[in-house]
C-alpha atoms as a PDB file:
ATOM      1  CA  MET A   1     125.668  57.911 118.596  1.00  0.00           C
ATOM      2  CA  THR A   2     127.679  55.066 117.378  1.00  0.00           C
ATOM      3  CA  LEU A   3     127.678  54.314 113.517  1.00  0.00           C
ATOM      4  CA  ARG A   4     127.776  50.822 112.487  1.00  0.00           C
ATOM      5  CA  PRO A   5     130.710  50.125 110.366  1.00  0.00           C
ATOM      6  CA  PHE A   6     129.846  48.846 106.920  1.00  0.00           C
ATOM      7  CA  GLU A   7     132.329  46.091 107.155  1.00  0.00           C
ATOM      8  CA  GLU A   8     130.502  44.893 110.273  1.00  0.00           C
ATOM      9  CA  ILE A   9     127.278  44.916 108.218  1.00  0.00           C
ATOM     10  CA  ARG A  10     128.999  42.921 105.469  1.00  0.00           C
ATOM     11  CA  ARG A  11     129.910  40.324 108.145  1.00  0.00           C
ATOM     12  CA  GLN A  12     126.559  39.985 109.588  1.00  0.00           C
ATOM     13  CA  VAL A  13     124.377  39.879 106.437  1.00  0.00           C
ATOM     14  CA  PRO A  14     124.665  36.998 104.190  1.00  0.00           C
ATOM     15  CA  GLN A  15     126.982  37.775 101.166  1.00  0.00           C
ATOM     16  CA  ASP A  16     124.196  36.686  98.681  1.00  0.00           C
ATOM     17  CA  ARG A  17     122.161  39.777  99.600  1.00  0.00           C
ATOM     18  CA  PHE A  18     124.774  42.104  98.247  1.00  0.00           C
ATOM     19  CA  VAL A  19     124.594  42.935  94.483  1.00  0.00           C
ATOM     20  CA  PRO A  20     127.703  44.580  93.058  1.00  0.00           C
ATOM     21  CA  VAL A  21     126.562  47.933  91.297  1.00  0.00           C
ATOM     22  CA  ASP A  22     128.999  50.549  89.890  1.00  0.00           C
ATOM     23  CA  GLY A  23     131.625  49.409  92.436  1.00  0.00           C
ATOM     24  CA  HIS A  24     129.343  49.810  95.378  1.00  0.00           C
ATOM     25  CA  LEU A  25     127.415  46.926  97.108  1.00  0.00           C
ATOM     26  CA  VAL A  26     123.656  47.044  97.065  1.00  0.00           C
ATOM     27  CA  HIS A  27     121.576  45.363  99.567  1.00  0.00           C
ATOM     28  CA  VAL A  28     119.049  43.053  98.140  1.00  0.00           C
ATOM     29  CA  GLU A  29     116.504  40.682  99.403  1.00  0.00           C
ATOM     30  CA  GLN A  30     114.872  38.202  97.181  1.00  0.00           C
ATOM     31  CA  ALA A  31     112.192  35.742  97.380  1.00  0.00           C
ATOM     32  CA  GLY A  32     109.817  33.425  95.247  1.00  0.00           C
ATOM     33  CA  GLN A  33     109.467  32.554  91.565  1.00  0.00           C
ATOM     34  CA  GLY A  34     107.742  33.996  88.652  1.00  0.00           C
ATOM     35  CA  GLU A  35     107.225  37.382  87.265  1.00  0.00           C
ATOM     36  CA  PRO A  36     109.666  39.677  88.762  1.00  0.00           C
ATOM     37  CA  LEU A  37     108.276  42.379  91.116  1.00  0.00           C
ATOM     38  CA  VAL A  38     110.889  45.224  92.286  1.00  0.00           C
ATOM     39  CA  LEU A  39     110.108  46.665  95.836  1.00  0.00           C
ATOM     40  CA  LEU A  40     111.078  50.296  96.287  1.00  0.00           C
ATOM     41  CA  HIS A  41     110.901  51.759  99.890  1.00  0.00           C
ATOM     42  CA  GLY A  42     110.039  55.261 101.260  1.00  0.00           C
ATOM     43  CA  PHE A  43     112.643  57.692 102.441  1.00  0.00           C
ATOM     44  CA  GLY A  44     114.036  56.619 105.866  1.00  0.00           C
ATOM     45  CA  ALA A  45     113.023  53.296 105.256  1.00  0.00           C
ATOM     46  CA  SER A  46     114.645  49.902 103.800  1.00  0.00           C
ATOM     47  CA  THR A  47     113.744  46.501 102.723  1.00  0.00           C
ATOM     48  CA  TYR A  48     112.436  46.053 106.207  1.00  0.00           C
ATOM     49  CA  GLY A  49     109.355  48.098 105.585  1.00  0.00           C
ATOM     50  CA  TRP A  50     108.185  44.915 103.317  1.00  0.00           C
ATOM     51  CA  ARG A  51     108.555  42.397 106.120  1.00  0.00           C
ATOM     52  CA  GLU A  52     104.897  41.911 106.324  1.00  0.00           C
ATOM     53  CA  VAL A  53     103.751  41.557 102.624  1.00  0.00           C
ATOM     54  CA  MET A  54     106.862  40.095 101.001  1.00  0.00           C
ATOM     55  CA  PRO A  55     106.337  36.349 101.948  1.00  0.00           C
ATOM     56  CA  ARG A  56     102.884  36.441 100.364  1.00  0.00           C
ATOM     57  CA  LEU A  57     103.880  38.219  97.309  1.00  0.00           C
ATOM     58  CA  ALA A  58     106.597  35.552  96.944  1.00  0.00           C
ATOM     59  CA  ARG A  59     104.047  33.020  96.462  1.00  0.00           C
ATOM     60  CA  SER A  60     103.346  34.164  93.039  1.00  0.00           C
ATOM     61  CA  HIS A  61     106.150  36.476  91.982  1.00  0.00           C
ATOM     62  CA  ARG A  62     109.953  36.775  92.132  1.00  0.00           C
ATOM     63  CA  VAL A  63     110.310  39.353  94.681  1.00  0.00           C
ATOM     64  CA  ILE A  64     113.300  41.570  94.649  1.00  0.00           C
ATOM     65  CA  ALA A  65     113.316  44.388  97.702  1.00  0.00           C
ATOM     66  CA  VAL A  66     115.984  46.688  97.082  1.00  0.00           C
ATOM     67  CA  ASP A  67     117.946  49.285  99.820  1.00  0.00           C
ATOM     68  CA  LEU A  68     118.246  52.383  97.739  1.00  0.00           C
ATOM     69  CA  TYR A  69     121.399  54.700  98.028  1.00  0.00           C
ATOM     70  CA  GLY A  70     121.629  56.067 101.619  1.00  0.00           C
ATOM     71  CA  PHE A  71     119.151  53.561 103.321  1.00  0.00           C
ATOM     72  CA  GLY A  72     119.331  50.123 104.794  1.00  0.00           C
ATOM     73  CA  TYR A  73     122.134  47.901 104.168  1.00  0.00           C
ATOM     74  CA  THR A  74     123.499  49.436 100.716  1.00  0.00           C
ATOM     75  CA  GLU A  75     126.684  50.778 100.984  1.00  0.00           C
ATOM     76  CA  ARG A  76     126.673  54.647 100.990  1.00  0.00           C
ATOM     77  CA  PRO A  77     129.172  56.443  98.377  1.00  0.00           C
ATOM     78  CA  ARG A  78     130.725  59.644  99.187  1.00  0.00           C
ATOM     79  CA  ASP A  79     129.629  61.443  95.622  1.00  0.00           C
ATOM     80  CA  ARG A  80     126.513  62.907  95.508  1.00  0.00           C
ATOM     81  CA  LYS A  81     125.764  61.898  92.054  1.00  0.00           C
ATOM     82  CA  TYR A  82     124.399  58.547  93.458  1.00  0.00           C
ATOM     83  CA  TYR A  83     121.559  60.121  95.594  1.00  0.00           C
ATOM     84  CA  THR A  84     119.955  61.997  92.881  1.00  0.00           C
ATOM     85  CA  ARG A  85     116.755  60.532  90.985  1.00  0.00           C
ATOM     86  CA  GLU A  86     119.432  59.490  88.332  1.00  0.00           C
ATOM     87  CA  GLY A  87     121.631  57.947  90.681  1.00  0.00           C
ATOM     88  CA  GLN A  88     118.988  55.659  92.289  1.00  0.00           C
ATOM     89  CA  ALA A  89     117.412  54.825  88.993  1.00  0.00           C
ATOM     90  CA  SER A  90     121.192  53.852  87.808  1.00  0.00           C
ATOM     91  CA  LEU A  91     121.192  51.717  91.026  1.00  0.00           C
ATOM     92  CA  ILE A  92     117.707  50.031  90.110  1.00  0.00           C
ATOM     93  CA  LEU A  93     118.950  49.381  86.591  1.00  0.00           C
ATOM     94  CA  GLY A  94     121.964  47.692  87.838  1.00  0.00           C
ATOM     95  CA  VAL A  95     120.475  45.622  90.357  1.00  0.00           C
ATOM     96  CA  LEU A  96     118.008  44.636  87.605  1.00  0.00           C
ATOM     97  CA  ASP A  97     120.798  43.673  85.014  1.00  0.00           C
ATOM     98  CA  ALA A  98     122.893  41.873  87.718  1.00  0.00           C
ATOM     99  CA  LEU A  99     119.978  39.552  88.226  1.00  0.00           C
ATOM    100  CA  GLY A 100     119.289  39.379  84.538  1.00  0.00           C
ATOM    101  CA  ILE A 101     115.794  40.836  84.675  1.00  0.00           C
ATOM    102  CA  GLN A 102     114.797  42.932  81.471  1.00  0.00           C
ATOM    103  CA  LYS A 103     111.526  43.950  82.648  1.00  0.00           C
ATOM    104  CA  ALA A 104     109.743  43.818  85.963  1.00  0.00           C
ATOM    105  CA  HIS A 105     106.490  44.917  88.016  1.00  0.00           C
ATOM    106  CA  PHE A 106     107.205  47.896  90.458  1.00  0.00           C
ATOM    107  CA  MET A 107     105.873  48.673  93.794  1.00  0.00           C
ATOM    108  CA  GLY A 108     106.995  51.740  95.505  1.00  0.00           C
ATOM    109  CA  SER A 109     106.273  53.404  98.661  1.00  0.00           C
ATOM    110  CA  SER A 110     106.331  57.193  99.228  1.00  0.00           C
ATOM    111  CA  TYR A 111     109.895  58.014  97.809  1.00  0.00           C
ATOM    112  CA  GLY A 112     110.063  54.488  96.200  1.00  0.00           C
ATOM    113  CA  GLY A 113     106.912  55.635  94.287  1.00  0.00           C
ATOM    114  CA  ALA A 114     108.442  58.855  92.962  1.00  0.00           C
ATOM    115  CA  LEU A 115     111.302  56.779  91.936  1.00  0.00           C
ATOM    116  CA  THR A 116     108.734  54.244  90.396  1.00  0.00           C
ATOM    117  CA  LEU A 117     107.356  57.025  88.489  1.00  0.00           C
ATOM    118  CA  TRP A 118     110.655  58.485  87.232  1.00  0.00           C
ATOM    119  CA  MET A 119     111.402  54.755  85.912  1.00  0.00           C
ATOM    120  CA  ALA A 120     108.275  54.381  84.243  1.00  0.00           C
ATOM    121  CA  SER A 121     108.877  57.966  82.520  1.00  0.00           C
ATOM    122  CA  ARG A 122     112.352  57.567  81.637  1.00  0.00           C
ATOM    123  CA  HIS A 123     112.749  53.955  81.013  1.00  0.00           C
ATOM    124  CA  PRO A 124     109.295  52.346  80.417  1.00  0.00           C
ATOM    125  CA  GLU A 125     110.821  49.644  78.514  1.00  0.00           C
ATOM    126  CA  ARG A 126     111.685  48.015  82.155  1.00  0.00           C
ATOM    127  CA  VAL A 127     108.453  48.550  83.702  1.00  0.00           C
ATOM    128  CA  CYS A 128     105.624  46.308  83.349  1.00  0.00           C
ATOM    129  CA  SER A 129     103.002  47.517  85.879  1.00  0.00           C
ATOM    130  CA  MET A 130     103.217  49.915  88.995  1.00  0.00           C
ATOM    131  CA  VAL A 131     101.695  49.576  92.240  1.00  0.00           C
ATOM    132  CA  LEU A 132     102.157  53.227  93.886  1.00  0.00           C
ATOM    133  CA  VAL A 133     101.627  53.295  97.764  1.00  0.00           C
ATOM    134  CA  ASP A 134     101.013  56.634  99.201  1.00  0.00           C
ATOM    135  CA  SER A 135     103.562  58.017  96.756  1.00  0.00           C
ATOM    136  CA  ALA A 136     105.446  61.026  96.612  1.00  0.00           C
ATOM    137  CA  ALA A 137     105.307  63.404  93.908  1.00  0.00           C
ATOM    138  CA  PRO A 138     108.232  62.488  91.182  1.00  0.00           C
ATOM    139  CA  THR A 139     109.794  65.715  91.859  1.00  0.00           C
ATOM    140  CA  TYR A 140     110.039  64.866  95.735  1.00  0.00           C
ATOM    141  CA  PRO A 141     113.564  63.807  95.688  1.00  0.00           C
ATOM    142  CA  ASP A 142     114.652  67.303  94.116  1.00  0.00           C
ATOM    143  CA  ASP A 143     112.022  69.428  95.993  1.00  0.00           C
ATOM    144  CA  ARG A 144     113.342  68.368  99.618  1.00  0.00           C
ATOM    145  CA  ARG A 145     116.832  69.718  98.686  1.00  0.00           C
ATOM    146  CA  SER A 146     118.037  72.871 100.574  1.00  0.00           C
ATOM    147  CA  LEU A 147     120.743  74.826 101.170  1.00  0.00           C
ATOM    148  CA  ALA A 148     120.412  74.061 104.965  1.00  0.00           C
ATOM    149  CA  ALA A 149     121.636  70.718 104.338  1.00  0.00           C
ATOM    150  CA  LEU A 150     125.019  71.811 103.427  1.00  0.00           C
ATOM    151  CA  PRO A 151     127.801  72.277 106.293  1.00  0.00           C
ATOM    152  CA  PRO A 152     127.962  73.233 108.887  1.00  0.00           C
ATOM    153  CA  PHE A 153     124.379  73.349 109.317  1.00  0.00           C
ATOM    154  CA  GLY A 154     123.746  69.467 107.849  1.00  0.00           C
ATOM    155  CA  GLY A 155     126.046  68.039 110.137  1.00  0.00           C
ATOM    156  CA  LEU A 156     124.509  69.741 113.286  1.00  0.00           C
ATOM    157  CA  PHE A 157     121.353  68.836 112.256  1.00  0.00           C
ATOM    158  CA  LEU A 158     122.420  65.157 112.081  1.00  0.00           C
ATOM    159  CA  ARG A 159     123.891  65.137 115.571  1.00  0.00           C
ATOM    160  CA  LEU A 160     121.281  66.651 117.141  1.00  0.00           C
ATOM    161  CA  VAL A 161     118.204  66.002 115.848  1.00  0.00           C
ATOM    162  CA  ALA A 162     117.950  63.236 113.039  1.00  0.00           C
ATOM    163  CA  LEU A 163     119.963  60.595 114.181  1.00  0.00           C
ATOM    164  CA  ARG A 164     118.359  59.701 117.359  1.00  0.00           C
ATOM    165  CA  PRO A 165     115.999  56.924 118.585  1.00  0.00           C
ATOM    166  CA  GLY A 166     113.341  59.651 119.496  1.00  0.00           C
ATOM    167  CA  MET A 167     113.447  61.303 116.436  1.00  0.00           C
ATOM    168  CA  VAL A 168     112.984  57.907 114.516  1.00  0.00           C
ATOM    169  CA  ARG A 169     110.022  57.286 116.792  1.00  0.00           C
ATOM    170  CA  LYS A 170     108.375  60.494 116.301  1.00  0.00           C
ATOM    171  CA  ALA A 171     108.726  59.975 112.297  1.00  0.00           C
ATOM    172  CA  LEU A 172     107.102  56.633 112.444  1.00  0.00           C
ATOM    173  CA  GLN A 173     104.073  58.053 114.817  1.00  0.00           C
ATOM    174  CA  ALA A 174     103.746  60.688 112.020  1.00  0.00           C
ATOM    175  CA  ALA A 175     103.578  57.877 109.243  1.00  0.00           C
ATOM    176  CA  TYR A 176     101.073  55.373 111.191  1.00  0.00           C
ATOM    177  CA  TYR A 177      97.736  56.065 111.866  1.00  0.00           C
ATOM    178  CA  ASP A 178      97.670  53.706 114.920  1.00  0.00           C
ATOM    179  CA  ASP A 179     100.546  54.893 117.351  1.00  0.00           C
ATOM    180  CA  SER A 180     100.236  51.829 119.579  1.00  0.00           C
ATOM    181  CA  LEU A 181     102.197  49.648 116.496  1.00  0.00           C
ATOM    182  CA  VAL A 182     104.828  51.929 117.019  1.00  0.00           C
ATOM    183  CA  THR A 183     106.844  49.773 119.154  1.00  0.00           C
ATOM    184  CA  PRO A 184     110.618  49.938 120.582  1.00  0.00           C
ATOM    185  CA  GLU A 185     111.332  46.868 118.601  1.00  0.00           C
ATOM    186  CA  LEU A 186     109.937  48.854 115.291  1.00  0.00           C
ATOM    187  CA  VAL A 187     111.845  52.118 116.165  1.00  0.00           C
ATOM    188  CA  GLN A 188     114.946  49.869 117.139  1.00  0.00           C
ATOM    189  CA  ALA A 189     114.801  48.051 113.495  1.00  0.00           C
ATOM    190  CA  TYR A 190     114.595  51.607 111.841  1.00  0.00           C
ATOM    191  CA  TYR A 191     117.049  52.898 113.722  1.00  0.00           C
ATOM    192  CA  ASP A 192     119.476  50.332 113.191  1.00  0.00           C
ATOM    193  CA  ARG A 193     119.279  50.762 109.371  1.00  0.00           C
ATOM    194  CA  VAL A 194     120.138  54.497 109.709  1.00  0.00           C
ATOM    195  CA  ARG A 195     123.128  54.622 111.811  1.00  0.00           C
ATOM    196  CA  VAL A 196     125.171  53.059 109.269  1.00  0.00           C
ATOM    197  CA  GLU A 197     128.808  54.263 108.201  1.00  0.00           C
ATOM    198  CA  GLY A 198     128.637  57.091 105.594  1.00  0.00           C
ATOM    199  CA  VAL A 199     125.457  58.401 106.823  1.00  0.00           C
ATOM    200  CA  LYS A 200     126.638  61.894 106.398  1.00  0.00           C
ATOM    201  CA  ASN A 201     127.801  61.270 102.731  1.00  0.00           C
ATOM    202  CA  ALA A 202     123.991  60.038 102.427  1.00  0.00           C
ATOM    203  CA  TYR A 203     122.500  63.096 104.180  1.00  0.00           C
ATOM    204  CA  TYR A 204     124.204  65.824 101.938  1.00  0.00           C
ATOM    205  CA  GLY A 205     123.596  63.587  98.776  1.00  0.00           C
ATOM    206  CA  LEU A 206     119.881  63.223  99.521  1.00  0.00           C
ATOM    207  CA  THR A 207     119.171  66.758 100.784  1.00  0.00           C
ATOM    208  CA  ALA A 208     121.973  69.202  99.224  1.00  0.00           C
ATOM    209  CA  PRO A 209     120.859  71.360  96.123  1.00  0.00           C
ATOM    210  CA  VAL A 210     121.490  69.884  92.745  1.00  0.00           C
ATOM    211  CA  PRO A 211     122.818  72.496  90.373  1.00  0.00           C
ATOM    212  CA  GLY A 212     121.294  73.041  87.045  1.00  0.00           C
ATOM    213  CA  PRO A 213     117.581  72.335  85.723  1.00  0.00           C
ATOM    214  CA  ARG A 214     116.073  69.424  86.841  1.00  0.00           C
ATOM    215  CA  PRO A 215     113.836  67.666  84.050  1.00  0.00           C
ATOM    216  CA  ARG A 216     110.410  67.050  85.022  1.00  0.00           C
ATOM    217  CA  ILE A 217     107.626  64.338  84.270  1.00  0.00           C
ATOM    218  CA  ASP A 218     104.553  64.361  82.508  1.00  0.00           C
ATOM    219  CA  LEU A 219     102.218  62.079  84.278  1.00  0.00           C
ATOM    220  CA  GLU A 220      99.796  62.081  81.369  1.00  0.00           C
ATOM    221  CA  ALA A 221     102.433  60.476  79.087  1.00  0.00           C
ATOM    222  CA  ILE A 222     103.025  57.328  81.342  1.00  0.00           C
ATOM    223  CA  ASP A 223     101.160  54.519  79.407  1.00  0.00           C
ATOM    224  CA  ILE A 224     101.776  51.912  82.136  1.00  0.00           C
ATOM    225  CA  PRO A 225      98.793  50.007  84.113  1.00  0.00           C
ATOM    226  CA  ALA A 226      99.115  51.537  87.917  1.00  0.00           C
ATOM    227  CA  LEU A 227      97.323  50.675  90.968  1.00  0.00           C
ATOM    228  CA  VAL A 228      97.502  53.946  93.359  1.00  0.00           C
ATOM    229  CA  VAL A 229      96.849  52.627  97.195  1.00  0.00           C
ATOM    230  CA  TRP A 230      96.255  55.444  99.648  1.00  0.00           C
ATOM    231  CA  GLY A 231      95.862  55.580 103.590  1.00  0.00           C
ATOM    232  CA  GLU A 232      92.916  57.573 104.104  1.00  0.00           C
ATOM    233  CA  GLU A 233      94.541  59.044 107.173  1.00  0.00           C
ATOM    234  CA  ASP A 234      98.018  59.863 105.675  1.00  0.00           C
ATOM    235  CA  GLN A 235      99.275  62.881 107.350  1.00  0.00           C
ATOM    236  CA  LEU A 236     102.405  63.067 105.211  1.00  0.00           C
ATOM    237  CA  ILE A 237     100.915  63.155 101.849  1.00  0.00           C
ATOM    238  CA  SER A 238      97.240  63.888 101.632  1.00  0.00           C
ATOM    239  CA  VAL A 239      94.771  61.400  99.922  1.00  0.00           C
ATOM    240  CA  ASP A 240      93.230  64.248  97.842  1.00  0.00           C
ATOM    241  CA  LEU A 241      96.749  64.613  96.227  1.00  0.00           C
ATOM    242  CA  GLY A 242      96.942  60.691  95.916  1.00  0.00           C
ATOM    243  CA  ARG A 243      93.499  61.147  93.965  1.00  0.00           C
ATOM    244  CA  ARG A 244      94.867  63.956  91.662  1.00  0.00           C
ATOM    245  CA  VAL A 245      97.991  62.104  90.786  1.00  0.00           C
ATOM    246  CA  SER A 246      96.190  58.796  89.961  1.00  0.00           C
ATOM    247  CA  SER A 247      93.654  60.741  87.879  1.00  0.00           C
ATOM    248  CA  ARG A 248      96.506  61.975  85.786  1.00  0.00           C
ATOM    249  CA  LEU A 249      97.756  58.513  84.988  1.00  0.00           C
ATOM    250  CA  PRO A 250      96.046  57.019  81.930  1.00  0.00           C
ATOM    251  CA  ARG A 251      95.797  53.708  83.222  1.00  0.00           C
ATOM    252  CA  SER A 252      95.381  53.661  86.922  1.00  0.00           C
ATOM    253  CA  GLU A 253      93.233  52.691  89.582  1.00  0.00           C
ATOM    254  CA  PHE A 254      92.741  54.496  92.879  1.00  0.00           C
ATOM    255  CA  VAL A 255      92.020  52.673  96.197  1.00  0.00           C
ATOM    256  CA  VAL A 256      91.903  54.147  99.562  1.00  0.00           C
ATOM    257  CA  MET A 257      92.348  52.153 102.767  1.00  0.00           C
ATOM    258  CA  GLU A 258      90.406  53.507 105.947  1.00  0.00           C
ATOM    259  CA  LYS A 259      92.073  53.992 109.299  1.00  0.00           C
ATOM    260  CA  THR A 260      95.370  53.863 107.599  1.00  0.00           C
ATOM    261  CA  GLY A 261      98.331  56.225 107.773  1.00  0.00           C
ATOM    262  CA  HIS A 262     101.211  56.605 105.184  1.00  0.00           C
ATOM    263  CA  LEU A 263     102.528  52.985 105.396  1.00  0.00           C
ATOM    264  CA  PRO A 264      99.546  50.591 104.676  1.00  0.00           C
ATOM    265  CA  MET A 265     101.795  47.570 103.977  1.00  0.00           C
ATOM    266  CA  GLU A 266     103.151  47.654 107.421  1.00  0.00           C
ATOM    267  CA  GLU A 267     100.018  48.819 109.313  1.00  0.00           C
ATOM    268  CA  ARG A 268      97.310  46.750 107.691  1.00  0.00           C
ATOM    269  CA  PRO A 269      99.218  44.163 105.452  1.00  0.00           C
ATOM    270  CA  GLU A 270      96.228  41.473 105.075  1.00  0.00           C
ATOM    271  CA  GLU A 271      94.136  44.242 103.453  1.00  0.00           C
ATOM    272  CA  PHE A 272      96.966  45.740 101.489  1.00  0.00           C
ATOM    273  CA  LEU A 273      97.487  42.140 100.010  1.00  0.00           C
ATOM    274  CA  ARG A 274      93.946  41.821  99.218  1.00  0.00           C
ATOM    275  CA  ILE A 275      93.963  45.098  97.299  1.00  0.00           C
ATOM    276  CA  VAL A 276      97.127  44.647  95.330  1.00  0.00           C
ATOM    277  CA  GLU A 277      97.164  40.698  94.603  1.00  0.00           C
ATOM    278  CA  PRO A 278      94.227  40.981  92.186  1.00  0.00           C
ATOM    279  CA  PHE A 279      95.957  43.713  90.327  1.00  0.00           C
ATOM    280  CA  LEU A 280      99.455  41.718  90.144  1.00  0.00           C
ATOM    281  CA  ALA A 281      97.295  38.659  89.230  1.00  0.00           C
ATOM    282  CA  GLN A 282      96.133  40.001  85.828  1.00  0.00           C
ATOM    283  CA  GLU A 283      97.714  38.846  82.700  1.00  0.00           C
ATOM    284  CA  ARG A 284     100.797  41.300  82.214  1.00  0.00           C
ATOM    285  CA  PRO A 285     103.497  39.017  81.422  1.00  0.00           C
ATOM    286  CA  CYS A 286     107.069  40.702  82.037  1.00  0.00           C
ATOM    287  CA  GLY A 287     109.321  37.747  81.477  1.00  0.00           C
ATOM    288  CA  SER A 288     113.125  38.177  82.193  1.00  0.00           C
ATOM    289  CA  ARG A 289     116.309  37.595  80.137  1.00  0.00           C
END
């Protein structure tokens, strides 16, 4: 596999889509005007995952889709601290500050949902409301860490398994209910955003153990309006788990989408928008600096 040099990506991607945060370039896509709405993708995904719904969300909101550390077209730092929950939160806060946004609505898919819950718990003054889409548990960024990620095993796994189009296709088939939607074009688009220079740094940073005790999140203490949307056929995170998580959030509404897998906004975008738009239209003004 040939990795794409980050300098090549910088030349090909419009420069106004990069926001400097802590000395690194973060890829951000923006559209629309109005209340700010931050979109956070899942593990292995990128801003590309919001392509089907972002244009319509931008009719009523200032939409900010962010590539997190280790994903998409964001620069991959070497230091592992950037890939922790705290590091990803610093990226999100850095983007908001750079764009002059004090408080925003959040929509997080899977891993992005876990980070949304972390933001709501640790930085509630920055979160106006949240849409959790087949969300991972807030402990997920730490739970998935393993000694197997360390050299030499992690590098071997990357070369032989993870960084291959066939594995990207299998991962997408596991995430979709309707496998016919996993086209060669979709696989290539995901793959192109994985094979970026610095992927080894990102892999170690995202999967290697983090020393010391890890802070927990009290879901019952998150007093922020939440819409929890789940694909009924999600094979990665069960709908029953989603229902339990939703029941612990004091101000949540839970909606199940039939014949849908782990990525409702990609698999059934029209139905997804019919569900989330009324929630986002409720009077919960955030404002910006």
